[in-house]
Amino acid sequence: MTEMSGLERLVELQAIHDLKGRRDHAVDQKDWDTYAELHSDDYVAMSIGDTPIVGGRAAADALAILMANVTTVHHCHTPVIEFQNRSNATGVWAMEDNLFWQRDGEKQWLRGFGFYHERYVRGADGKWRFSYRKLERTHAETSPGASLLAVDTSGENHRVGGG
C-alpha cells in the first residue's frame, strides 16, 4: 500500500498494537465497557460460541456471561499487520491464553495456543477498532473438567477453552 508514508504506517501500526493490548487487558480485567468501546458496532465475533455475534456491546455482554467466574490471562505476540488502505487493516496474532475456574469445587484450567485472525477499521474519530475476530486454536491442554468451555480447532481435543 503506497498511500501511507513509512512514518505514517509505523504510527498506525503502533495504534493497532495498542488497541490489541487494551483488548487483552479489558478481557483479563473484566472491563466490559472498555471491551465494547474497542469494537465497531458491526464487529463480528467468531470466537464466542458456535454462532457469530455482531456488535461490540453484544460481544462484551456474551463474554461477561461466559467468563463471569473465570480468571483469564492473555498473551498475544508476533503480529503480522497489513494495511488495505488508511482506514482498514488485517492482522494475525500468535496467542496463548490461560483460563482458571472451579466446577463442583474442583479447580479447572485451560492453556491454549493459536492465532487470532482480525480486521480493524479506523472510525471517523480517527480511532482504530476491531471489526472482526476469529480464534484458531492449534493446541490446548486442559484439566479433565474443561471440556465445555469453547472450541479447539487443533483436532487434539473435542471442546476446550476460549477467550
N, C-alpha and C. Protein backbone atom coordinates (compact mmCIF):
# COMPACT_ATOMS: atom_id res chain seq x y z
N MET A 1 0.85 -1.17 0.00
CA MET A 1 0.00 0.00 0.00
C MET A 1 0.89 1.23 0.00
N THR A 2 0.69 2.12 -0.96
CA THR A 2 1.59 3.26 -1.12
C THR A 2 0.99 4.58 -0.66
N GLU A 3 -0.26 4.60 -0.22
CA GLU A 3 -0.86 5.89 0.16
C GLU A 3 -0.44 6.36 1.55
N MET A 4 0.33 5.56 2.30
CA MET A 4 0.85 5.96 3.60
C MET A 4 2.38 6.00 3.53
N SER A 5 2.97 7.02 4.14
CA SER A 5 4.43 7.07 4.23
C SER A 5 4.88 6.02 5.24
N GLY A 6 6.15 5.73 5.26
CA GLY A 6 6.68 4.79 6.22
C GLY A 6 6.40 5.22 7.65
N LEU A 7 6.57 6.50 7.92
CA LEU A 7 6.32 7.02 9.27
C LEU A 7 4.83 6.91 9.63
N GLU A 8 3.95 7.25 8.70
CA GLU A 8 2.51 7.12 8.95
C GLU A 8 2.15 5.67 9.24
N ARG A 9 2.73 4.76 8.48
CA ARG A 9 2.45 3.33 8.68
C ARG A 9 2.88 2.91 10.08
N LEU A 10 4.05 3.35 10.53
CA LEU A 10 4.51 3.00 11.87
C LEU A 10 3.60 3.55 12.96
N VAL A 11 3.13 4.77 12.78
CA VAL A 11 2.22 5.37 13.76
C VAL A 11 0.92 4.57 13.84
N GLU A 12 0.36 4.20 12.70
CA GLU A 12 -0.90 3.44 12.68
C GLU A 12 -0.69 2.02 13.16
N LEU A 13 0.45 1.45 12.85
CA LEU A 13 0.78 0.10 13.34
C LEU A 13 0.83 0.10 14.86
N GLN A 14 1.45 1.12 15.45
CA GLN A 14 1.50 1.22 16.91
C GLN A 14 0.10 1.40 17.49
N ALA A 15 -0.75 2.15 16.81
CA ALA A 15 -2.12 2.34 17.29
C ALA A 15 -2.86 1.00 17.33
N ILE A 16 -2.65 0.14 16.35
CA ILE A 16 -3.29 -1.18 16.33
C ILE A 16 -2.70 -2.07 17.42
N HIS A 17 -1.39 -1.99 17.63
CA HIS A 17 -0.77 -2.75 18.73
C HIS A 17 -1.37 -2.32 20.07
N ASP A 18 -1.55 -1.01 20.26
CA ASP A 18 -2.16 -0.51 21.50
C ASP A 18 -3.61 -0.99 21.64
N LEU A 19 -4.34 -0.99 20.53
CA LEU A 19 -5.72 -1.48 20.53
C LEU A 19 -5.75 -2.93 21.02
N LYS A 20 -4.87 -3.74 20.49
CA LYS A 20 -4.82 -5.16 20.87
C LYS A 20 -4.49 -5.31 22.35
N GLY A 21 -3.53 -4.54 22.83
CA GLY A 21 -3.18 -4.60 24.24
C GLY A 21 -4.34 -4.20 25.13
N ARG A 22 -5.04 -3.13 24.74
CA ARG A 22 -6.20 -2.69 25.54
C ARG A 22 -7.29 -3.75 25.54
N ARG A 23 -7.47 -4.44 24.44
CA ARG A 23 -8.47 -5.52 24.36
C ARG A 23 -8.11 -6.65 25.32
N ASP A 24 -6.87 -7.11 25.28
CA ASP A 24 -6.46 -8.20 26.15
C ASP A 24 -6.58 -7.80 27.61
N HIS A 25 -6.17 -6.58 27.94
CA HIS A 25 -6.28 -6.10 29.31
C HIS A 25 -7.75 -6.03 29.74
N ALA A 26 -8.61 -5.54 28.86
CA ALA A 26 -10.04 -5.42 29.19
C ALA A 26 -10.64 -6.80 29.49
N VAL A 27 -10.29 -7.81 28.69
CA VAL A 27 -10.81 -9.15 28.94
C VAL A 27 -10.31 -9.66 30.29
N ASP A 28 -9.01 -9.57 30.52
CA ASP A 28 -8.44 -10.13 31.75
C ASP A 28 -8.90 -9.39 32.99
N GLN A 29 -9.24 -8.10 32.84
CA GLN A 29 -9.72 -7.31 33.97
C GLN A 29 -11.25 -7.26 34.04
N LYS A 30 -11.90 -7.95 33.09
CA LYS A 30 -13.36 -7.98 33.01
C LYS A 30 -13.95 -6.57 32.94
N ASP A 31 -13.31 -5.73 32.15
CA ASP A 31 -13.76 -4.35 31.92
C ASP A 31 -14.57 -4.35 30.63
N TRP A 32 -15.83 -4.74 30.75
CA TRP A 32 -16.66 -4.99 29.57
C TRP A 32 -17.08 -3.71 28.86
N ASP A 33 -17.13 -2.58 29.54
CA ASP A 33 -17.43 -1.31 28.86
C ASP A 33 -16.28 -0.92 27.94
N THR A 34 -15.05 -1.02 28.44
CA THR A 34 -13.89 -0.73 27.58
C THR A 34 -13.84 -1.71 26.42
N TYR A 35 -14.06 -2.99 26.70
CA TYR A 35 -14.05 -4.01 25.65
C TYR A 35 -15.03 -3.61 24.53
N ALA A 36 -16.25 -3.25 24.89
CA ALA A 36 -17.26 -2.88 23.89
C ALA A 36 -16.81 -1.69 23.07
N GLU A 37 -16.20 -0.69 23.70
CA GLU A 37 -15.76 0.52 23.00
C GLU A 37 -14.64 0.25 22.00
N LEU A 38 -13.89 -0.82 22.18
CA LEU A 38 -12.77 -1.15 21.30
C LEU A 38 -13.22 -1.85 20.02
N HIS A 39 -14.51 -2.13 19.91
CA HIS A 39 -15.06 -2.87 18.77
C HIS A 39 -16.09 -2.01 18.05
N SER A 40 -16.16 -2.16 16.74
CA SER A 40 -17.14 -1.41 15.95
C SER A 40 -18.55 -1.93 16.21
N ASP A 41 -19.53 -1.11 15.86
CA ASP A 41 -20.93 -1.52 16.05
C ASP A 41 -21.27 -2.73 15.19
N ASP A 42 -20.58 -2.90 14.06
CA ASP A 42 -20.85 -4.04 13.18
C ASP A 42 -19.78 -5.14 13.32
N TYR A 43 -19.00 -5.08 14.38
CA TYR A 43 -17.99 -6.09 14.68
C TYR A 43 -18.62 -7.49 14.62
N VAL A 44 -17.86 -8.46 14.09
CA VAL A 44 -18.32 -9.85 14.04
C VAL A 44 -17.35 -10.70 14.85
N ALA A 45 -17.86 -11.32 15.90
CA ALA A 45 -17.08 -12.21 16.76
C ALA A 45 -17.35 -13.65 16.35
N MET A 46 -16.30 -14.34 15.94
CA MET A 46 -16.43 -15.74 15.55
C MET A 46 -15.78 -16.67 16.58
N SER A 47 -15.45 -16.14 17.77
CA SER A 47 -14.72 -16.90 18.77
C SER A 47 -15.49 -17.11 20.06
N ILE A 48 -16.73 -16.64 20.11
CA ILE A 48 -17.52 -16.75 21.34
C ILE A 48 -18.71 -17.65 21.04
N GLY A 49 -18.57 -18.94 21.24
CA GLY A 49 -19.66 -19.85 20.96
C GLY A 49 -19.67 -20.32 19.52
N ASP A 50 -20.76 -20.94 19.14
CA ASP A 50 -20.85 -21.59 17.83
C ASP A 50 -21.39 -20.71 16.71
N THR A 51 -22.00 -19.58 17.05
CA THR A 51 -22.57 -18.70 16.02
C THR A 51 -21.95 -17.31 16.14
N PRO A 52 -21.89 -16.58 15.03
CA PRO A 52 -21.32 -15.23 15.08
C PRO A 52 -22.12 -14.32 16.01
N ILE A 53 -21.41 -13.44 16.69
CA ILE A 53 -22.04 -12.40 17.50
C ILE A 53 -21.70 -11.08 16.83
N VAL A 54 -22.69 -10.23 16.63
CA VAL A 54 -22.49 -8.97 15.92
C VAL A 54 -22.60 -7.80 16.90
N GLY A 55 -21.59 -6.95 16.86
CA GLY A 55 -21.58 -5.73 17.68
C GLY A 55 -20.67 -5.85 18.87
N GLY A 56 -19.94 -4.78 19.15
CA GLY A 56 -19.02 -4.76 20.28
C GLY A 56 -19.72 -4.95 21.61
N ARG A 57 -20.88 -4.30 21.79
CA ARG A 57 -21.61 -4.44 23.05
C ARG A 57 -22.12 -5.86 23.22
N ALA A 58 -22.64 -6.45 22.15
CA ALA A 58 -23.15 -7.83 22.22
C ALA A 58 -22.02 -8.80 22.56
N ALA A 59 -20.85 -8.60 21.97
CA ALA A 59 -19.71 -9.47 22.26
C ALA A 59 -19.27 -9.31 23.70
N ALA A 60 -19.22 -8.07 24.20
CA ALA A 60 -18.84 -7.83 25.59
C ALA A 60 -19.82 -8.50 26.54
N ASP A 61 -21.10 -8.38 26.24
CA ASP A 61 -22.12 -8.99 27.09
C ASP A 61 -22.01 -10.51 27.10
N ALA A 62 -21.74 -11.11 25.93
CA ALA A 62 -21.59 -12.56 25.85
C ALA A 62 -20.37 -13.02 26.63
N LEU A 63 -19.25 -12.30 26.50
CA LEU A 63 -18.05 -12.67 27.25
C LEU A 63 -18.25 -12.49 28.75
N ALA A 64 -18.97 -11.45 29.14
CA ALA A 64 -19.22 -11.22 30.56
C ALA A 64 -19.92 -12.42 31.19
N ILE A 65 -20.84 -13.03 30.46
CA ILE A 65 -21.54 -14.23 30.95
C ILE A 65 -20.61 -15.43 30.93
N LEU A 66 -19.93 -15.65 29.81
CA LEU A 66 -19.06 -16.81 29.65
C LEU A 66 -17.90 -16.80 30.64
N MET A 67 -17.35 -15.62 30.90
CA MET A 67 -16.15 -15.50 31.73
C MET A 67 -16.44 -15.02 33.16
N ALA A 68 -17.69 -15.04 33.57
CA ALA A 68 -18.08 -14.48 34.87
C ALA A 68 -17.26 -15.05 36.03
N ASN A 69 -17.01 -16.31 36.04
CA ASN A 69 -16.28 -16.94 37.14
C ASN A 69 -14.97 -17.56 36.67
N VAL A 70 -14.40 -16.97 35.61
CA VAL A 70 -13.16 -17.48 35.03
C VAL A 70 -12.09 -16.40 35.13
N THR A 71 -10.93 -16.76 35.66
CA THR A 71 -9.78 -15.87 35.64
C THR A 71 -9.03 -16.14 34.35
N THR A 72 -8.75 -15.09 33.58
CA THR A 72 -8.07 -15.26 32.30
C THR A 72 -6.75 -14.50 32.28
N VAL A 73 -5.81 -15.04 31.52
CA VAL A 73 -4.52 -14.40 31.28
C VAL A 73 -4.23 -14.56 29.80
N HIS A 74 -4.24 -13.46 29.05
CA HIS A 74 -4.00 -13.50 27.61
C HIS A 74 -2.62 -12.93 27.27
N HIS A 75 -1.94 -13.59 26.35
CA HIS A 75 -0.68 -13.10 25.80
C HIS A 75 -0.77 -13.20 24.28
N CYS A 76 -0.58 -12.07 23.61
CA CYS A 76 -0.57 -12.04 22.15
C CYS A 76 0.76 -11.45 21.70
N HIS A 77 1.29 -11.98 20.60
CA HIS A 77 2.62 -11.57 20.17
C HIS A 77 2.83 -11.88 18.70
N THR A 78 3.95 -11.50 18.19
CA THR A 78 4.40 -11.68 16.81
C THR A 78 3.31 -11.40 15.78
N PRO A 79 2.74 -10.19 15.80
CA PRO A 79 1.67 -9.88 14.85
C PRO A 79 2.19 -9.68 13.44
N VAL A 80 1.32 -10.00 12.50
CA VAL A 80 1.51 -9.65 11.10
C VAL A 80 0.33 -8.77 10.73
N ILE A 81 0.58 -7.47 10.54
CA ILE A 81 -0.46 -6.49 10.25
C ILE A 81 -0.28 -6.02 8.82
N GLU A 82 -1.37 -6.00 8.07
CA GLU A 82 -1.34 -5.50 6.69
C GLU A 82 -2.42 -4.44 6.53
N PHE A 83 -2.04 -3.32 5.93
CA PHE A 83 -2.98 -2.23 5.68
C PHE A 83 -3.54 -2.37 4.27
N GLN A 84 -4.87 -2.34 4.16
CA GLN A 84 -5.50 -2.31 2.85
C GLN A 84 -5.56 -0.87 2.34
N ASN A 85 -5.77 0.05 3.27
CA ASN A 85 -5.77 1.49 2.98
C ASN A 85 -5.63 2.21 4.32
N ARG A 86 -5.84 3.50 4.34
CA ARG A 86 -5.64 4.28 5.58
C ARG A 86 -6.64 3.92 6.69
N SER A 87 -7.72 3.27 6.36
CA SER A 87 -8.78 3.02 7.35
C SER A 87 -9.11 1.56 7.55
N ASN A 88 -8.41 0.66 6.90
CA ASN A 88 -8.70 -0.76 7.01
C ASN A 88 -7.41 -1.56 7.06
N ALA A 89 -7.36 -2.52 7.99
CA ALA A 89 -6.19 -3.38 8.12
C ALA A 89 -6.62 -4.76 8.59
N THR A 90 -5.75 -5.72 8.37
CA THR A 90 -5.96 -7.08 8.87
C THR A 90 -4.76 -7.44 9.74
N GLY A 91 -4.98 -8.39 10.64
CA GLY A 91 -3.89 -8.83 11.49
C GLY A 91 -4.05 -10.27 11.90
N VAL A 92 -2.91 -10.92 12.08
CA VAL A 92 -2.86 -12.26 12.65
C VAL A 92 -1.88 -12.19 13.82
N TRP A 93 -2.34 -12.58 14.99
CA TRP A 93 -1.54 -12.55 16.21
C TRP A 93 -1.40 -13.96 16.76
N ALA A 94 -0.19 -14.39 17.04
CA ALA A 94 0.00 -15.62 17.81
C ALA A 94 -0.50 -15.34 19.22
N MET A 95 -1.10 -16.35 19.84
CA MET A 95 -1.67 -16.12 21.17
C MET A 95 -1.48 -17.31 22.08
N GLU A 96 -1.51 -17.00 23.36
CA GLU A 96 -1.59 -18.00 24.41
C GLU A 96 -2.58 -17.47 25.42
N ASP A 97 -3.49 -18.31 25.86
CA ASP A 97 -4.37 -17.90 26.94
C ASP A 97 -4.42 -19.00 28.00
N ASN A 98 -4.55 -18.53 29.22
CA ASN A 98 -4.67 -19.42 30.37
C ASN A 98 -5.97 -19.05 31.07
N LEU A 99 -6.80 -20.03 31.32
CA LEU A 99 -8.09 -19.81 31.97
C LEU A 99 -8.17 -20.71 33.20
N PHE A 100 -8.70 -20.14 34.29
CA PHE A 100 -8.80 -20.86 35.54
C PHE A 100 -10.18 -20.65 36.14
N TRP A 101 -10.84 -21.72 36.61
CA TRP A 101 -12.15 -21.63 37.22
C TRP A 101 -12.37 -22.86 38.09
N GLN A 102 -13.49 -22.88 38.78
CA GLN A 102 -13.84 -24.05 39.57
C GLN A 102 -15.17 -24.61 39.11
N ARG A 103 -15.26 -25.92 39.11
CA ARG A 103 -16.51 -26.61 38.80
C ARG A 103 -16.71 -27.66 39.88
N ASP A 104 -17.84 -27.58 40.55
CA ASP A 104 -18.16 -28.51 41.63
C ASP A 104 -17.04 -28.57 42.67
N GLY A 105 -16.46 -27.42 42.97
CA GLY A 105 -15.42 -27.33 43.99
C GLY A 105 -14.04 -27.78 43.54
N GLU A 106 -13.90 -28.18 42.28
CA GLU A 106 -12.60 -28.63 41.77
C GLU A 106 -12.02 -27.58 40.84
N LYS A 107 -10.70 -27.36 40.98
CA LYS A 107 -10.01 -26.42 40.10
C LYS A 107 -9.96 -26.96 38.69
N GLN A 108 -10.28 -26.09 37.73
CA GLN A 108 -10.23 -26.43 36.31
C GLN A 108 -9.31 -25.42 35.63
N TRP A 109 -8.74 -25.81 34.51
CA TRP A 109 -7.85 -24.91 33.80
C TRP A 109 -7.77 -25.27 32.32
N LEU A 110 -7.35 -24.29 31.56
CA LEU A 110 -7.08 -24.46 30.14
C LEU A 110 -5.85 -23.64 29.80
N ARG A 111 -4.96 -24.20 29.04
CA ARG A 111 -3.84 -23.46 28.48
C ARG A 111 -3.91 -23.66 26.98
N GLY A 112 -4.21 -22.57 26.27
CA GLY A 112 -4.43 -22.66 24.84
C GLY A 112 -3.41 -21.88 24.04
N PHE A 113 -3.22 -22.32 22.82
CA PHE A 113 -2.29 -21.68 21.88
C PHE A 113 -2.96 -21.59 20.52
N GLY A 114 -2.62 -20.61 19.75
CA GLY A 114 -3.18 -20.49 18.41
C GLY A 114 -2.97 -19.12 17.83
N PHE A 115 -3.95 -18.70 17.02
CA PHE A 115 -3.86 -17.44 16.30
C PHE A 115 -5.20 -16.72 16.32
N TYR A 116 -5.14 -15.41 16.55
CA TYR A 116 -6.29 -14.55 16.34
C TYR A 116 -6.19 -13.98 14.93
N HIS A 117 -7.25 -14.14 14.16
CA HIS A 117 -7.37 -13.53 12.83
C HIS A 117 -8.32 -12.36 12.98
N GLU A 118 -7.84 -11.14 12.67
CA GLU A 118 -8.62 -9.94 12.97
C GLU A 118 -8.66 -8.97 11.80
N ARG A 119 -9.68 -8.13 11.84
CA ARG A 119 -9.78 -6.98 10.93
C ARG A 119 -10.01 -5.75 11.79
N TYR A 120 -9.46 -4.63 11.32
CA TYR A 120 -9.54 -3.37 12.04
C TYR A 120 -10.07 -2.29 11.09
N VAL A 121 -10.81 -1.36 11.66
CA VAL A 121 -11.32 -0.24 10.88
C VAL A 121 -11.09 1.03 11.69
N ARG A 122 -10.67 2.08 10.99
CA ARG A 122 -10.50 3.36 11.66
C ARG A 122 -11.76 4.17 11.47
N GLY A 123 -12.34 4.63 12.58
CA GLY A 123 -13.59 5.38 12.55
C GLY A 123 -13.38 6.83 12.19
N ALA A 124 -14.48 7.55 12.04
CA ALA A 124 -14.44 8.98 11.73
C ALA A 124 -13.72 9.77 12.82
N ASP A 125 -13.67 9.22 14.04
CA ASP A 125 -12.96 9.88 15.14
C ASP A 125 -11.45 9.62 15.11
N GLY A 126 -10.98 8.85 14.12
CA GLY A 126 -9.56 8.55 13.98
C GLY A 126 -9.09 7.36 14.78
N LYS A 127 -9.98 6.75 15.58
CA LYS A 127 -9.59 5.61 16.42
C LYS A 127 -9.78 4.30 15.68
N TRP A 128 -8.82 3.40 15.84
CA TRP A 128 -8.93 2.05 15.30
C TRP A 128 -9.82 1.22 16.22
N ARG A 129 -10.63 0.35 15.61
CA ARG A 129 -11.47 -0.58 16.35
C ARG A 129 -11.44 -1.94 15.64
N PHE A 130 -11.72 -2.95 16.40
CA PHE A 130 -11.86 -4.28 15.81
C PHE A 130 -13.17 -4.34 15.03
N SER A 131 -13.13 -4.96 13.84
CA SER A 131 -14.36 -5.19 13.09
C SER A 131 -14.64 -6.69 12.89
N TYR A 132 -13.65 -7.54 13.23
CA TYR A 132 -13.81 -8.99 13.06
C TYR A 132 -12.73 -9.69 13.88
N ARG A 133 -13.09 -10.84 14.46
CA ARG A 133 -12.09 -11.68 15.13
C ARG A 133 -12.53 -13.12 15.07
N LYS A 134 -11.55 -13.98 14.79
CA LYS A 134 -11.76 -15.42 14.86
C LYS A 134 -10.53 -16.03 15.51
N LEU A 135 -10.76 -16.90 16.48
CA LEU A 135 -9.68 -17.62 17.14
C LEU A 135 -9.50 -18.97 16.47
N GLU A 136 -8.27 -19.26 16.08
CA GLU A 136 -7.91 -20.57 15.54
C GLU A 136 -6.95 -21.22 16.54
N ARG A 137 -7.44 -22.19 17.28
CA ARG A 137 -6.58 -22.88 18.23
C ARG A 137 -5.75 -23.93 17.51
N THR A 138 -4.47 -24.00 17.86
CA THR A 138 -3.60 -25.02 17.29
C THR A 138 -3.23 -26.09 18.32
N HIS A 139 -3.41 -25.76 19.60
CA HIS A 139 -3.12 -26.72 20.66
C HIS A 139 -3.78 -26.23 21.94
N ALA A 140 -4.22 -27.15 22.75
CA ALA A 140 -4.77 -26.79 24.05
C ALA A 140 -4.52 -27.94 25.02
N GLU A 141 -4.21 -27.56 26.25
CA GLU A 141 -4.06 -28.52 27.33
C GLU A 141 -5.08 -28.13 28.39
N THR A 142 -5.78 -29.12 28.93
CA THR A 142 -6.86 -28.80 29.87
C THR A 142 -6.93 -29.79 31.02
N SER A 143 -7.59 -29.32 32.07
CA SER A 143 -7.96 -30.23 33.15
C SER A 143 -9.13 -31.08 32.64
N PRO A 144 -9.41 -32.20 33.28
CA PRO A 144 -10.50 -33.08 32.81
C PRO A 144 -11.86 -32.40 32.72
N GLY A 145 -12.16 -31.44 33.58
CA GLY A 145 -13.47 -30.79 33.58
C GLY A 145 -13.60 -29.63 32.62
N ALA A 146 -12.60 -29.37 31.81
CA ALA A 146 -12.61 -28.19 30.93
C ALA A 146 -13.31 -28.42 29.61
N SER A 147 -13.94 -29.53 29.41
CA SER A 147 -14.41 -29.93 28.09
C SER A 147 -15.55 -29.11 27.51
N LEU A 148 -16.15 -28.19 28.27
CA LEU A 148 -17.31 -27.49 27.72
C LEU A 148 -17.10 -25.99 27.52
N LEU A 149 -15.90 -25.47 27.69
CA LEU A 149 -15.73 -24.02 27.68
C LEU A 149 -15.78 -23.40 26.28
N ALA A 150 -15.10 -23.95 25.30
CA ALA A 150 -15.12 -23.38 23.94
C ALA A 150 -14.48 -24.35 22.96
N VAL A 151 -14.18 -23.88 21.77
CA VAL A 151 -13.77 -24.77 20.69
C VAL A 151 -12.26 -24.76 20.48
N ASP A 152 -11.69 -25.94 20.24
CA ASP A 152 -10.28 -26.12 19.90
C ASP A 152 -10.24 -26.66 18.48
N THR A 153 -9.63 -25.92 17.55
CA THR A 153 -9.59 -26.37 16.16
C THR A 153 -8.37 -27.21 15.84
N SER A 154 -7.57 -27.54 16.85
CA SER A 154 -6.37 -28.33 16.59
C SER A 154 -6.71 -29.77 16.23
N GLY A 155 -7.89 -30.23 16.60
CA GLY A 155 -8.24 -31.62 16.39
C GLY A 155 -7.78 -32.53 17.51
N GLU A 156 -7.00 -31.97 18.46
CA GLU A 156 -6.50 -32.78 19.57
C GLU A 156 -7.54 -32.97 20.66
N ASN A 157 -8.47 -32.05 20.76
CA ASN A 157 -9.49 -32.09 21.81
C ASN A 157 -10.85 -31.83 21.17
N HIS A 158 -11.88 -32.37 21.78
CA HIS A 158 -13.22 -32.17 21.21
C HIS A 158 -13.75 -30.76 21.44
N ARG A 159 -13.85 -30.32 22.68
CA ARG A 159 -14.29 -28.95 23.00
C ARG A 159 -13.52 -28.49 24.21
N VAL A 160 -12.67 -27.48 23.99
CA VAL A 160 -11.91 -26.92 25.11
C VAL A 160 -11.75 -25.43 24.96
N GLY A 161 -11.40 -24.76 26.02
CA GLY A 161 -11.26 -23.34 26.28
C GLY A 161 -11.28 -22.32 25.17
N GLY A 162 -11.57 -21.09 25.53
CA GLY A 162 -11.58 -19.98 24.59
C GLY A 162 -11.42 -18.65 25.28
N GLY A 163 -11.46 -17.62 24.55
CA GLY A 163 -11.31 -16.29 25.13
C GLY A 163 -10.93 -15.39 24.06
